[in-house]
Amino acid sequence: MRKKLLVLTLVFAVLFSGFGFESTFKENKASASSRWENIDHISKGWRIRLDDPVGGGKYHVHIYDKKAEIAVENVDGTPSHGQTFDDCINPKLAKKVRATKLYQKGLSLQKSKDKSNKKPPRKKR
């Protein structure tokens, strides 16, 4: 009787743990997504990609001319991968890229992330 109970318990544990791995994998895959936007109105053939933060990082945007990466920066204007837009492209074009919907969406997401990461103030005793 004990063997039967042990076997049934192990079978259920294996079945239910398998479902847990699948849902965890789907959540991780969804959070590691990238979003794209064509910005031909700024420069012909250019596209931008918004990437989610990795670890404790920040949302950041890459600029591509067809398949070649031109520049990258965090949405708060700080360097990402050691560079900002102003280091790599004309500052007037950089300003236009920062005004795009996708860049602004990343900025909004970053502000929400920063707000949720703030520690509550300590209570005085």
PDB file of N, CA and C in Angstrom:
ATOM      1  N   MET A   1       0.819  -1.197   0.000  1.00  0.00           N
ATOM      2  CA  MET A   1       0.000   0.000   0.000  1.00  0.00           C
ATOM      3  C   MET A   1       0.868   1.269   0.000  1.00  0.00           C
ATOM      4  N   ARG A   2       1.939   1.256   0.816  1.00  0.00           N
ATOM      5  CA  ARG A   2       2.822   2.423   0.870  1.00  0.00           C
ATOM      6  C   ARG A   2       3.527   2.660  -0.460  1.00  0.00           C
ATOM      7  N   LYS A   3       3.935   1.591  -1.132  1.00  0.00           N
ATOM      8  CA  LYS A   3       4.597   1.724  -2.439  1.00  0.00           C
ATOM      9  C   LYS A   3       3.652   2.354  -3.443  1.00  0.00           C
ATOM     10  N   LYS A   4       2.409   1.942  -3.435  1.00  0.00           N
ATOM     11  CA  LYS A   4       1.415   2.473  -4.366  1.00  0.00           C
ATOM     12  C   LYS A   4       1.220   3.974  -4.125  1.00  0.00           C
ATOM     13  N   LEU A   5       1.111   4.356  -2.865  1.00  0.00           N
ATOM     14  CA  LEU A   5       0.947   5.755  -2.508  1.00  0.00           C
ATOM     15  C   LEU A   5       2.178   6.566  -2.925  1.00  0.00           C
ATOM     16  N   LEU A   6       3.352   6.014  -2.687  1.00  0.00           N
ATOM     17  CA  LEU A   6       4.589   6.689  -3.071  1.00  0.00           C
ATOM     18  C   LEU A   6       4.674   6.869  -4.582  1.00  0.00           C
ATOM     19  N   VAL A   7       4.340   5.836  -5.331  1.00  0.00           N
ATOM     20  CA  VAL A   7       4.378   5.907  -6.793  1.00  0.00           C
ATOM     21  C   VAL A   7       3.387   6.949  -7.300  1.00  0.00           C
ATOM     22  N   LEU A   8       2.171   6.945  -6.787  1.00  0.00           N
ATOM     23  CA  LEU A   8       1.165   7.927  -7.215  1.00  0.00           C
ATOM     24  C   LEU A   8       1.614   9.356  -6.889  1.00  0.00           C
ATOM     25  N   THR A   9       2.193   9.535  -5.724  1.00  0.00           N
ATOM     26  CA  THR A   9       2.685  10.858  -5.339  1.00  0.00           C
ATOM     27  C   THR A   9       3.783  11.327  -6.292  1.00  0.00           C
ATOM     28  N   LEU A  10       4.702  10.457  -6.614  1.00  0.00           N
ATOM     29  CA  LEU A  10       5.779  10.813  -7.537  1.00  0.00           C
ATOM     30  C   LEU A  10       5.253  11.121  -8.934  1.00  0.00           C
ATOM     31  N   VAL A  11       4.280  10.349  -9.397  1.00  0.00           N
ATOM     32  CA  VAL A  11       3.696  10.586 -10.726  1.00  0.00           C
ATOM     33  C   VAL A  11       3.046  11.962 -10.774  1.00  0.00           C
ATOM     34  N   PHE A  12       2.245  12.279  -9.753  1.00  0.00           N
ATOM     35  CA  PHE A  12       1.601  13.597  -9.723  1.00  0.00           C
ATOM     36  C   PHE A  12       2.631  14.717  -9.623  1.00  0.00           C
ATOM     37  N   ALA A  13       3.661  14.517  -8.835  1.00  0.00           N
ATOM     38  CA  ALA A  13       4.703  15.535  -8.687  1.00  0.00           C
ATOM     39  C   ALA A  13       5.391  15.802 -10.017  1.00  0.00           C
ATOM     40  N   VAL A  14       5.705  14.743 -10.750  1.00  0.00           N
ATOM     41  CA  VAL A  14       6.363  14.897 -12.048  1.00  0.00           C
ATOM     42  C   VAL A  14       5.433  15.588 -13.038  1.00  0.00           C
ATOM     43  N   LEU A  15       4.175  15.193 -13.067  1.00  0.00           N
ATOM     44  CA  LEU A  15       3.220  15.799 -14.002  1.00  0.00           C
ATOM     45  C   LEU A  15       3.037  17.282 -13.727  1.00  0.00           C
ATOM     46  N   PHE A  16       2.809  17.635 -12.474  1.00  0.00           N
ATOM     47  CA  PHE A  16       2.550  19.024 -12.156  1.00  0.00           C
ATOM     48  C   PHE A  16       3.803  19.891 -12.243  1.00  0.00           C
ATOM     49  N   SER A  17       4.953  19.349 -11.953  1.00  0.00           N
ATOM     50  CA  SER A  17       6.177  20.143 -12.091  1.00  0.00           C
ATOM     51  C   SER A  17       6.468  20.428 -13.557  1.00  0.00           C
ATOM     52  N   GLY A  18       6.108  19.533 -14.446  1.00  0.00           N
ATOM     53  CA  GLY A  18       6.282  19.752 -15.885  1.00  0.00           C
ATOM     54  C   GLY A  18       5.462  20.922 -16.375  1.00  0.00           C
ATOM     55  N   PHE A  19       4.245  21.041 -15.860  1.00  0.00           N
ATOM     56  CA  PHE A  19       3.402  22.172 -16.256  1.00  0.00           C
ATOM     57  C   PHE A  19       3.977  23.480 -15.736  1.00  0.00           C
ATOM     58  N   GLY A  20       4.546  23.447 -14.558  1.00  0.00           N
ATOM     59  CA  GLY A  20       5.158  24.645 -13.996  1.00  0.00           C
ATOM     60  C   GLY A  20       6.328  25.123 -14.831  1.00  0.00           C
ATOM     61  N   PHE A  21       7.158  24.194 -15.333  1.00  0.00           N
ATOM     62  CA  PHE A  21       8.297  24.590 -16.170  1.00  0.00           C
ATOM     63  C   PHE A  21       7.824  25.233 -17.453  1.00  0.00           C
ATOM     64  N   GLU A  22       6.755  24.704 -18.034  1.00  0.00           N
ATOM     65  CA  GLU A  22       6.261  25.241 -19.293  1.00  0.00           C
ATOM     66  C   GLU A  22       5.768  26.667 -19.128  1.00  0.00           C
ATOM     67  N   SER A  23       4.998  26.926 -18.084  1.00  0.00           N
ATOM     68  CA  SER A  23       4.475  28.279 -17.891  1.00  0.00           C
ATOM     69  C   SER A  23       5.591  29.255 -17.555  1.00  0.00           C
ATOM     70  N   THR A  24       6.591  28.811 -16.785  1.00  0.00           N
ATOM     71  CA  THR A  24       7.725  29.670 -16.463  1.00  0.00           C
ATOM     72  C   THR A  24       8.499  30.017 -17.730  1.00  0.00           C
ATOM     73  N   PHE A  25       8.688  29.038 -18.615  1.00  0.00           N
ATOM     74  CA  PHE A  25       9.401  29.282 -19.860  1.00  0.00           C
ATOM     75  C   PHE A  25       8.646  30.296 -20.709  1.00  0.00           C
ATOM     76  N   LYS A  26       7.335  30.180 -20.800  1.00  0.00           N
ATOM     77  CA  LYS A  26       6.548  31.120 -21.600  1.00  0.00           C
ATOM     78  C   LYS A  26       6.659  32.533 -21.051  1.00  0.00           C
ATOM     79  N   GLU A  27       6.631  32.677 -19.716  1.00  0.00           N
ATOM     80  CA  GLU A  27       6.748  34.006 -19.119  1.00  0.00           C
ATOM     81  C   GLU A  27       8.106  34.616 -19.423  1.00  0.00           C
ATOM     82  N   ASN A  28       9.181  33.843 -19.298  1.00  0.00           N
ATOM     83  CA  ASN A  28      10.521  34.356 -19.579  1.00  0.00           C
ATOM     84  C   ASN A  28      10.665  34.733 -21.042  1.00  0.00           C
ATOM     85  N   LYS A  29      10.109  33.920 -21.933  1.00  0.00           N
ATOM     86  CA  LYS A  29      10.201  34.198 -23.351  1.00  0.00           C
ATOM     87  C   LYS A  29       9.468  35.495 -23.694  1.00  0.00           C
ATOM     88  N   ALA A  30       8.308  35.716 -23.090  1.00  0.00           N
ATOM     89  CA  ALA A  30       7.529  36.917 -23.364  1.00  0.00           C
ATOM     90  C   ALA A  30       8.230  38.165 -22.837  1.00  0.00           C
ATOM     91  N   SER A  31       8.888  38.061 -21.685  1.00  0.00           N
ATOM     92  CA  SER A  31       9.518  39.235 -21.112  1.00  0.00           C
ATOM     93  C   SER A  31      10.809  39.614 -21.834  1.00  0.00           C
ATOM     94  N   ALA A  32      11.369  38.709 -22.588  1.00  0.00           N
ATOM     95  CA  ALA A  32      12.605  38.986 -23.308  1.00  0.00           C
ATOM     96  C   ALA A  32      12.312  39.405 -24.739  1.00  0.00           C
ATOM     97  N   SER A  33      11.213  40.107 -24.922  1.00  0.00           N
ATOM     98  CA  SER A  33      10.813  40.471 -26.273  1.00  0.00           C
ATOM     99  C   SER A  33      11.447  41.788 -26.708  1.00  0.00           C
ATOM    100  N   SER A  34      11.447  41.999 -28.000  1.00  0.00           N
ATOM    101  CA  SER A  34      11.910  43.245 -28.587  1.00  0.00           C
ATOM    102  C   SER A  34      10.784  43.816 -29.434  1.00  0.00           C
ATOM    103  N   ARG A  35      10.712  45.108 -29.474  1.00  0.00           N
ATOM    104  CA  ARG A  35       9.696  45.786 -30.272  1.00  0.00           C
ATOM    105  C   ARG A  35      10.412  46.608 -31.343  1.00  0.00           C
ATOM    106  N   TRP A  36       9.823  46.659 -32.536  1.00  0.00           N
ATOM    107  CA  TRP A  36      10.444  47.354 -33.672  1.00  0.00           C
ATOM    108  C   TRP A  36       9.551  48.477 -34.172  1.00  0.00           C
ATOM    109  N   GLU A  37      10.171  49.503 -34.772  1.00  0.00           N
ATOM    110  CA  GLU A  37       9.447  50.594 -35.427  1.00  0.00           C
ATOM    111  C   GLU A  37      10.290  51.090 -36.601  1.00  0.00           C
ATOM    112  N   ASN A  38       9.650  51.244 -37.748  1.00  0.00           N
ATOM    113  CA  ASN A  38      10.327  51.852 -38.893  1.00  0.00           C
ATOM    114  C   ASN A  38      10.348  53.355 -38.703  1.00  0.00           C
ATOM    115  N   ILE A  39      11.479  53.978 -38.984  1.00  0.00           N
ATOM    116  CA  ILE A  39      11.587  55.436 -38.840  1.00  0.00           C
ATOM    117  C   ILE A  39      12.106  56.042 -40.147  1.00  0.00           C
ATOM    118  N   ASP A  40      11.511  55.613 -41.247  1.00  0.00           N
ATOM    119  CA  ASP A  40      11.883  56.141 -42.566  1.00  0.00           C
ATOM    120  C   ASP A  40      11.707  57.651 -42.650  1.00  0.00           C
ATOM    121  N   HIS A  41      10.776  58.198 -41.873  1.00  0.00           N
ATOM    122  CA  HIS A  41      10.538  59.646 -41.903  1.00  0.00           C
ATOM    123  C   HIS A  41      11.729  60.426 -41.324  1.00  0.00           C
ATOM    124  N   ILE A  42      12.585  59.751 -40.568  1.00  0.00           N
ATOM    125  CA  ILE A  42      13.779  60.395 -40.024  1.00  0.00           C
ATOM    126  C   ILE A  42      14.956  60.192 -40.972  1.00  0.00           C
ATOM    127  N   SER A  43      15.153  58.964 -41.406  1.00  0.00           N
ATOM    128  CA  SER A  43      16.200  58.651 -42.371  1.00  0.00           C
ATOM    129  C   SER A  43      15.819  57.354 -43.092  1.00  0.00           C
ATOM    130  N   LYS A  44      15.938  57.360 -44.396  1.00  0.00           N
ATOM    131  CA  LYS A  44      15.502  56.225 -45.211  1.00  0.00           C
ATOM    132  C   LYS A  44      16.193  54.919 -44.809  1.00  0.00           C
ATOM    133  N   GLY A  45      15.388  53.887 -44.586  1.00  0.00           N
ATOM    134  CA  GLY A  45      15.921  52.568 -44.262  1.00  0.00           C
ATOM    135  C   GLY A  45      16.217  52.338 -42.792  1.00  0.00           C
ATOM    136  N   TRP A  46      15.994  53.344 -41.957  1.00  0.00           N
ATOM    137  CA  TRP A  46      16.284  53.195 -40.541  1.00  0.00           C
ATOM    138  C   TRP A  46      15.127  52.537 -39.802  1.00  0.00           C
ATOM    139  N   ARG A  47      15.488  51.727 -38.797  1.00  0.00           N
ATOM    140  CA  ARG A  47      14.511  51.127 -37.890  1.00  0.00           C
ATOM    141  C   ARG A  47      15.078  51.220 -36.482  1.00  0.00           C
ATOM    142  N   ILE A  48      14.183  51.214 -35.500  1.00  0.00           N
ATOM    143  CA  ILE A  48      14.643  51.179 -34.116  1.00  0.00           C
ATOM    144  C   ILE A  48      14.052  49.958 -33.424  1.00  0.00           C
ATOM    145  N   ARG A  49      14.793  49.474 -32.434  1.00  0.00           N
ATOM    146  CA  ARG A  49      14.351  48.318 -31.650  1.00  0.00           C
ATOM    147  C   ARG A  49      14.456  48.657 -30.176  1.00  0.00           C
ATOM    148  N   LEU A  50      13.355  48.451 -29.450  1.00  0.00           N
ATOM    149  CA  LEU A  50      13.338  48.639 -28.007  1.00  0.00           C
ATOM    150  C   LEU A  50      13.544  47.286 -27.350  1.00  0.00           C
ATOM    151  N   ASP A  51      14.563  47.177 -26.515  1.00  0.00           N
ATOM    152  CA  ASP A  51      14.857  45.935 -25.797  1.00  0.00           C
ATOM    153  C   ASP A  51      14.506  46.075 -24.328  1.00  0.00           C
ATOM    154  N   ASP A  52      14.006  44.978 -23.762  1.00  0.00           N
ATOM    155  CA  ASP A  52      13.723  44.930 -22.339  1.00  0.00           C
ATOM    156  C   ASP A  52      15.029  44.923 -21.555  1.00  0.00           C
ATOM    157  N   PRO A  53      14.987  45.392 -20.306  1.00  0.00           N
ATOM    158  CA  PRO A  53      16.200  45.357 -19.486  1.00  0.00           C
ATOM    159  C   PRO A  53      16.597  43.933 -19.143  1.00  0.00           C
ATOM    160  N   VAL A  54      17.872  43.722 -18.999  1.00  0.00           N
ATOM    161  CA  VAL A  54      18.387  42.413 -18.595  1.00  0.00           C
ATOM    162  C   VAL A  54      18.922  42.570 -17.174  1.00  0.00           C
ATOM    163  N   GLY A  55      18.451  41.745 -16.278  1.00  0.00           N
ATOM    164  CA  GLY A  55      18.881  41.848 -14.886  1.00  0.00           C
ATOM    165  C   GLY A  55      18.455  43.182 -14.304  1.00  0.00           C
ATOM    166  N   GLY A  56      19.380  43.911 -13.753  1.00  0.00           N
ATOM    167  CA  GLY A  56      19.084  45.215 -13.168  1.00  0.00           C
ATOM    168  C   GLY A  56      19.274  46.355 -14.153  1.00  0.00           C
ATOM    169  N   GLY A  57      19.337  46.040 -15.445  1.00  0.00           N
ATOM    170  CA  GLY A  57      19.580  47.053 -16.472  1.00  0.00           C
ATOM    171  C   GLY A  57      18.379  47.938 -16.758  1.00  0.00           C
ATOM    172  N   LYS A  58      18.460  48.627 -17.867  1.00  0.00           N
ATOM    173  CA  LYS A  58      17.421  49.578 -18.260  1.00  0.00           C
ATOM    174  C   LYS A  58      16.903  49.237 -19.655  1.00  0.00           C
ATOM    175  N   TYR A  59      15.706  49.735 -19.975  1.00  0.00           N
ATOM    176  CA  TYR A  59      15.206  49.632 -21.339  1.00  0.00           C
ATOM    177  C   TYR A  59      16.149  50.422 -22.225  1.00  0.00           C
ATOM    178  N   HIS A  60      16.449  49.912 -23.409  1.00  0.00           N
ATOM    179  CA  HIS A  60      17.359  50.604 -24.310  1.00  0.00           C
ATOM    180  C   HIS A  60      16.908  50.425 -25.759  1.00  0.00           C
ATOM    181  N   VAL A  61      17.316  51.376 -26.593  1.00  0.00           N
ATOM    182  CA  VAL A  61      16.901  51.422 -27.995  1.00  0.00           C
ATOM    183  C   VAL A  61      18.119  51.327 -28.901  1.00  0.00           C
ATOM    184  N   HIS A  62      18.007  50.453 -29.908  1.00  0.00           N
ATOM    185  CA  HIS A  62      19.035  50.302 -30.939  1.00  0.00           C
ATOM    186  C   HIS A  62      18.526  50.950 -32.214  1.00  0.00           C
ATOM    187  N   ILE A  63      19.412  51.593 -32.973  1.00  0.00           N
ATOM    188  CA  ILE A  63      19.078  52.140 -34.293  1.00  0.00           C
ATOM    189  C   ILE A  63      19.797  51.296 -35.340  1.00  0.00           C
ATOM    190  N   TYR A  64      19.037  50.897 -36.360  1.00  0.00           N
ATOM    191  CA  TYR A  64      19.602  50.101 -37.457  1.00  0.00           C
ATOM    192  C   TYR A  64      19.381  50.809 -38.779  1.00  0.00           C
ATOM    193  N   ASP A  65      20.377  50.730 -39.653  1.00  0.00           N
ATOM    194  CA  ASP A  65      20.249  51.129 -41.049  1.00  0.00           C
ATOM    195  C   ASP A  65      20.264  49.832 -41.839  1.00  0.00           C
ATOM    196  N   LYS A  66      19.104  49.428 -42.264  1.00  0.00           N
ATOM    197  CA  LYS A  66      18.888  48.100 -42.853  1.00  0.00           C
ATOM    198  C   LYS A  66      19.276  47.045 -41.814  1.00  0.00           C
ATOM    199  N   LYS A  67      20.371  46.322 -41.984  1.00  0.00           N
ATOM    200  CA  LYS A  67      20.739  45.290 -41.011  1.00  0.00           C
ATOM    201  C   LYS A  67      21.884  45.707 -40.092  1.00  0.00           C
ATOM    202  N   ALA A  68      22.529  46.824 -40.399  1.00  0.00           N
ATOM    203  CA  ALA A  68      23.691  47.257 -39.612  1.00  0.00           C
ATOM    204  C   ALA A  68      23.265  48.154 -38.444  1.00  0.00           C
ATOM    205  N   GLU A  69      23.762  47.820 -37.259  1.00  0.00           N
ATOM    206  CA  GLU A  69      23.469  48.651 -36.096  1.00  0.00           C
ATOM    207  C   GLU A  69      24.294  49.933 -36.153  1.00  0.00           C
ATOM    208  N   ILE A  70      23.616  51.048 -35.913  1.00  0.00           N
ATOM    209  CA  ILE A  70      24.281  52.348 -35.951  1.00  0.00           C
ATOM    210  C   ILE A  70      24.590  52.865 -34.553  1.00  0.00           C
ATOM    211  N   ALA A  71      23.602  52.754 -33.656  1.00  0.00           N
ATOM    212  CA  ALA A  71      23.753  53.337 -32.326  1.00  0.00           C
ATOM    213  C   ALA A  71      22.826  52.640 -31.338  1.00  0.00           C
ATOM    214  N   VAL A  72      23.117  52.875 -30.062  1.00  0.00           N
ATOM    215  CA  VAL A  72      22.274  52.342 -28.984  1.00  0.00           C
ATOM    216  C   VAL A  72      22.410  53.246 -27.766  1.00  0.00           C
ATOM    217  N   GLU A  73      21.303  53.420 -27.028  1.00  0.00           N
ATOM    218  CA  GLU A  73      21.351  54.142 -25.760  1.00  0.00           C
ATOM    219  C   GLU A  73      20.185  53.717 -24.882  1.00  0.00           C
ATOM    220  N   ASN A  74      20.355  53.892 -23.568  1.00  0.00           N
ATOM    221  CA  ASN A  74      19.267  53.648 -22.639  1.00  0.00           C
ATOM    222  C   ASN A  74      18.213  54.739 -22.833  1.00  0.00           C
ATOM    223  N   VAL A  75      16.962  54.426 -22.530  1.00  0.00           N
ATOM    224  CA  VAL A  75      15.895  55.395 -22.783  1.00  0.00           C
ATOM    225  C   VAL A  75      15.959  56.610 -21.870  1.00  0.00           C
ATOM    226  N   ASP A  76      16.781  56.551 -20.833  1.00  0.00           N
ATOM    227  CA  ASP A  76      16.950  57.738 -19.999  1.00  0.00           C
ATOM    228  C   ASP A  76      18.116  58.607 -20.474  1.00  0.00           C
ATOM    229  N   GLY A  77      18.714  58.239 -21.618  1.00  0.00           N
ATOM    230  CA  GLY A  77      19.793  59.032 -22.208  1.00  0.00           C
ATOM    231  C   GLY A  77      21.186  58.627 -21.780  1.00  0.00           C
ATOM    232  N   THR A  78      21.289  57.695 -20.863  1.00  0.00           N
ATOM    233  CA  THR A  78      22.609  57.231 -20.411  1.00  0.00           C
ATOM    234  C   THR A  78      23.165  56.211 -21.411  1.00  0.00           C
ATOM    235  N   PRO A  79      24.480  56.016 -21.423  1.00  0.00           N
ATOM    236  CA  PRO A  79      25.070  55.079 -22.383  1.00  0.00           C
ATOM    237  C   PRO A  79      24.621  53.628 -22.172  1.00  0.00           C
ATOM    238  N   SER A  80      24.385  52.949 -23.271  1.00  0.00           N
ATOM    239  CA  SER A  80      24.137  51.509 -23.265  1.00  0.00           C
ATOM    240  C   SER A  80      25.174  50.902 -24.191  1.00  0.00           C
ATOM    241  N   HIS A  81      25.793  49.836 -23.798  1.00  0.00           N
ATOM    242  CA  HIS A  81      26.874  49.224 -24.569  1.00  0.00           C
ATOM    243  C   HIS A  81      27.975  50.245 -24.828  1.00  0.00           C
ATOM    244  N   GLY A  82      28.129  51.199 -23.893  1.00  0.00           N
ATOM    245  CA  GLY A  82      29.206  52.179 -23.970  1.00  0.00           C
ATOM    246  C   GLY A  82      28.983  53.342 -24.925  1.00  0.00           C
ATOM    247  N   GLN A  83      27.738  53.542 -25.381  1.00  0.00           N
ATOM    248  CA  GLN A  83      27.513  54.651 -26.317  1.00  0.00           C
ATOM    249  C   GLN A  83      26.124  55.251 -26.152  1.00  0.00           C
ATOM    250  N   THR A  84      25.986  56.485 -26.647  1.00  0.00           N
ATOM    251  CA  THR A  84      24.687  57.139 -26.745  1.00  0.00           C
ATOM    252  C   THR A  84      24.461  57.502 -28.209  1.00  0.00           C
ATOM    253  N   PHE A  85      23.258  57.923 -28.529  1.00  0.00           N
ATOM    254  CA  PHE A  85      22.958  58.328 -29.904  1.00  0.00           C
ATOM    255  C   PHE A  85      23.841  59.489 -30.344  1.00  0.00           C
ATOM    256  N   ASP A  86      24.057  60.443 -29.428  1.00  0.00           N
ATOM    257  CA  ASP A  86      24.844  61.627 -29.774  1.00  0.00           C
ATOM    258  C   ASP A  86      26.291  61.276 -30.139  1.00  0.00           C
ATOM    259  N   ASP A  87      26.781  60.152 -29.630  1.00  0.00           N
ATOM    260  CA  ASP A  87      28.147  59.712 -29.962  1.00  0.00           C
ATOM    261  C   ASP A  87      28.237  59.196 -31.401  1.00  0.00           C
ATOM    262  N   CYS A  88      27.095  58.732 -31.939  1.00  0.00           N
ATOM    263  CA  CYS A  88      27.130  57.976 -33.199  1.00  0.00           C
ATOM    264  C   CYS A  88      26.406  58.637 -34.377  1.00  0.00           C
ATOM    265  N   ILE A  89      25.424  59.465 -34.080  1.00  0.00           N
ATOM    266  CA  ILE A  89      24.676  60.117 -35.174  1.00  0.00           C
ATOM    267  C   ILE A  89      24.540  61.602 -34.889  1.00  0.00           C
ATOM    268  N   ASN A  90      24.087  62.335 -35.885  1.00  0.00           N
ATOM    269  CA  ASN A  90      23.864  63.767 -35.767  1.00  0.00           C
ATOM    270  C   ASN A  90      22.903  64.039 -34.600  1.00  0.00           C
ATOM    271  N   PRO A  91      23.218  64.984 -33.720  1.00  0.00           N
ATOM    272  CA  PRO A  91      22.350  65.273 -32.574  1.00  0.00           C
ATOM    273  C   PRO A  91      20.914  65.649 -32.957  1.00  0.00           C
ATOM    274  N   LYS A  92      20.742  66.288 -34.129  1.00  0.00           N
ATOM    275  CA  LYS A  92      19.382  66.623 -34.569  1.00  0.00           C
ATOM    276  C   LYS A  92      18.584  65.359 -34.878  1.00  0.00           C
ATOM    277  N   LEU A  93      19.237  64.367 -35.510  1.00  0.00           N
ATOM    278  CA  LEU A  93      18.575  63.090 -35.778  1.00  0.00           C
ATOM    279  C   LEU A  93      18.316  62.333 -34.475  1.00  0.00           C
ATOM    280  N   ALA A  94      19.267  62.418 -33.550  1.00  0.00           N
ATOM    281  CA  ALA A  94      19.105  61.750 -32.259  1.00  0.00           C
ATOM    282  C   ALA A  94      17.878  62.296 -31.525  1.00  0.00           C
ATOM    283  N   LYS A  95      17.689  63.592 -31.605  1.00  0.00           N
ATOM    284  CA  LYS A  95      16.526  64.225 -30.957  1.00  0.00           C
ATOM    285  C   LYS A  95      15.221  63.708 -31.580  1.00  0.00           C
ATOM    286  N   LYS A  96      15.217  63.547 -32.902  1.00  0.00           N
ATOM    287  CA  LYS A  96      14.027  63.028 -33.581  1.00  0.00           C
ATOM    288  C   LYS A  96      13.744  61.581 -33.197  1.00  0.00           C
ATOM    289  N   VAL A  97      14.809  60.780 -33.056  1.00  0.00           N
ATOM    290  CA  VAL A  97      14.631  59.383 -32.650  1.00  0.00           C
ATOM    291  C   VAL A  97      14.054  59.323 -31.237  1.00  0.00           C
ATOM    292  N   ARG A  98      14.533  60.192 -30.358  1.00  0.00           N
ATOM    293  CA  ARG A  98      14.034  60.206 -28.979  1.00  0.00           C
ATOM    294  C   ARG A  98      12.560  60.620 -28.897  1.00  0.00           C
ATOM    295  N   ALA A  99      12.064  61.264 -29.930  1.00  0.00           N
ATOM    296  CA  ALA A  99      10.662  61.694 -29.952  1.00  0.00           C
ATOM    297  C   ALA A  99       9.722  60.634 -30.544  1.00  0.00           C
ATOM    298  N   THR A 100      10.255  59.508 -31.029  1.00  0.00           N
ATOM    299  CA  THR A 100       9.411  58.476 -31.638  1.00  0.00           C
ATOM    300  C   THR A 100       8.537  57.789 -30.586  1.00  0.00           C
ATOM    301  N   LYS A 101       7.457  57.180 -31.070  1.00  0.00           N
ATOM    302  CA  LYS A 101       6.518  56.497 -30.171  1.00  0.00           C
ATOM    303  C   LYS A 101       7.195  55.378 -29.393  1.00  0.00           C
ATOM    304  N   LEU A 102       8.021  54.604 -30.069  1.00  0.00           N
ATOM    305  CA  LEU A 102       8.648  53.453 -29.428  1.00  0.00           C
ATOM    306  C   LEU A 102       9.635  53.884 -28.340  1.00  0.00           C
ATOM    307  N   TYR A 103      10.418  54.917 -28.616  1.00  0.00           N
ATOM    308  CA  TYR A 103      11.365  55.421 -27.615  1.00  0.00           C
ATOM    309  C   TYR A 103      10.600  55.936 -26.401  1.00  0.00           C
ATOM    310  N   GLN A 104       9.524  56.682 -26.654  1.00  0.00           N
ATOM    311  CA  GLN A 104       8.713  57.228 -25.566  1.00  0.00           C
ATOM    312  C   GLN A 104       8.036  56.123 -24.761  1.00  0.00           C
ATOM    313  N   LYS A 105       7.643  55.043 -25.452  1.00  0.00           N
ATOM    314  CA  LYS A 105       7.058  53.901 -24.752  1.00  0.00           C
ATOM    315  C   LYS A 105       8.095  53.282 -23.819  1.00  0.00           C
ATOM    316  N   GLY A 106       9.323  53.136 -24.299  1.00  0.00           N
ATOM    317  CA  GLY A 106      10.398  52.611 -23.464  1.00  0.00           C
ATOM    318  C   GLY A 106      10.660  53.503 -22.261  1.00  0.00           C
ATOM    319  N   LEU A 107      10.615  54.803 -22.465  1.00  0.00           N
ATOM    320  CA  LEU A 107      10.821  55.749 -21.373  1.00  0.00           C
ATOM    321  C   LEU A 107       9.727  55.592 -20.322  1.00  0.00           C
ATOM    322  N   SER A 108       8.501  55.425 -20.781  1.00  0.00           N
ATOM    323  CA  SER A 108       7.375  55.217 -19.872  1.00  0.00           C
ATOM    324  C   SER A 108       7.533  53.911 -19.089  1.00  0.00           C
ATOM    325  N   LEU A 109       7.929  52.848 -19.784  1.00  0.00           N
ATOM    326  CA  LEU A 109       8.149  51.561 -19.122  1.00  0.00           C
ATOM    327  C   LEU A 109       9.277  51.655 -18.092  1.00  0.00           C
ATOM    328  N   GLN A 110      10.327  52.397 -18.429  1.00  0.00           N
ATOM    329  CA  GLN A 110      11.463  52.558 -17.513  1.00  0.00           C
ATOM    330  C   GLN A 110      11.036  53.323 -16.265  1.00  0.00           C
ATOM    331  N   LYS A 111      10.230  54.373 -16.449  1.00  0.00           N
ATOM    332  CA  LYS A 111       9.767  55.147 -15.292  1.00  0.00           C
ATOM    333  C   LYS A 111       8.919  54.277 -14.372  1.00  0.00           C
ATOM    334  N   SER A 112       8.064  53.432 -14.972  1.00  0.00           N
ATOM    335  CA  SER A 112       7.248  52.519 -14.169  1.00  0.00           C
ATOM    336  C   SER A 112       8.126  51.532 -13.410  1.00  0.00           C
ATOM    337  N   LYS A 113       9.150  51.023 -14.090  1.00  0.00           N
ATOM    338  CA  LYS A 113      10.077  50.072 -13.452  1.00  0.00           C
ATOM    339  C   LYS A 113      10.809  50.739 -12.299  1.00  0.00           C
ATOM    340  N   ASP A 114      11.299  51.966 -12.536  1.00  0.00           N
ATOM    341  CA  ASP A 114      12.022  52.684 -11.490  1.00  0.00           C
ATOM    342  C   ASP A 114      11.116  52.957 -10.289  1.00  0.00           C
ATOM    343  N   LYS A 115       9.868  53.320 -10.566  1.00  0.00           N
ATOM    344  CA  LYS A 115       8.917  53.625  -9.505  1.00  0.00           C
ATOM    345  C   LYS A 115       8.628  52.384  -8.669  1.00  0.00           C
ATOM    346  N   SER A 116       8.479  51.231  -9.310  1.00  0.00           N
ATOM    347  CA  SER A 116       8.181  49.993  -8.583  1.00  0.00           C
ATOM    348  C   SER A 116       9.392  49.460  -7.830  1.00  0.00           C
ATOM    349  N   ASN A 117      10.590  49.863  -8.241  1.00  0.00           N
ATOM    350  CA  ASN A 117      11.814  49.397  -7.570  1.00  0.00           C
ATOM    351  C   ASN A 117      12.203  50.248  -6.371  1.00  0.00           C
ATOM    352  N   LYS A 118      11.537  51.402  -6.218  1.00  0.00           N
ATOM    353  CA  LYS A 118      11.865  52.275  -5.081  1.00  0.00           C
ATOM    354  C   LYS A 118      11.483  51.588  -3.784  1.00  0.00           C
ATOM    355  N   LYS A 119      12.365  51.695  -2.814  1.00  0.00           N
ATOM    356  CA  LYS A 119      12.085  51.122  -1.507  1.00  0.00           C
ATOM    357  C   LYS A 119      11.200  52.100  -0.726  1.00  0.00           C
ATOM    358  N   PRO A 120      10.240  51.559   0.036  1.00  0.00           N
ATOM    359  CA  PRO A 120       9.407  52.457   0.832  1.00  0.00           C
ATOM    360  C   PRO A 120      10.257  53.146   1.903  1.00  0.00           C
ATOM    361  N   PRO A 121       9.860  54.374   2.286  1.00  0.00           N
ATOM    362  CA  PRO A 121      10.655  55.081   3.295  1.00  0.00           C
ATOM    363  C   PRO A 121      10.635  54.330   4.630  1.00  0.00           C
ATOM    364  N   ARG A 122      11.720  54.441   5.349  1.00  0.00           N
ATOM    365  CA  ARG A 122      11.821  53.769   6.655  1.00  0.00           C
ATOM    366  C   ARG A 122      10.959  54.517   7.667  1.00  0.00           C
ATOM    367  N   LYS A 123      10.294  53.743   8.500  1.00  0.00           N
ATOM    368  CA  LYS A 123       9.481  54.353   9.558  1.00  0.00           C
ATOM    369  C   LYS A 123      10.373  54.665  10.746  1.00  0.00           C
ATOM    370  N   LYS A 124      10.174  55.858  11.285  1.00  0.00           N
ATOM    371  CA  LYS A 124      10.923  56.256  12.466  1.00  0.00           C
ATOM    372  C   LYS A 124      10.239  55.677  13.686  1.00  0.00           C
ATOM    373  N   ARG A 125      11.036  55.267  14.618  1.00  0.00           N
ATOM    374  CA  ARG A 125      10.474  54.695  15.858  1.00  0.00           C
ATOM    375  C   ARG A 125      10.451  55.696  16.954  1.00  0.00           C
TER     376      ARG A 125
END
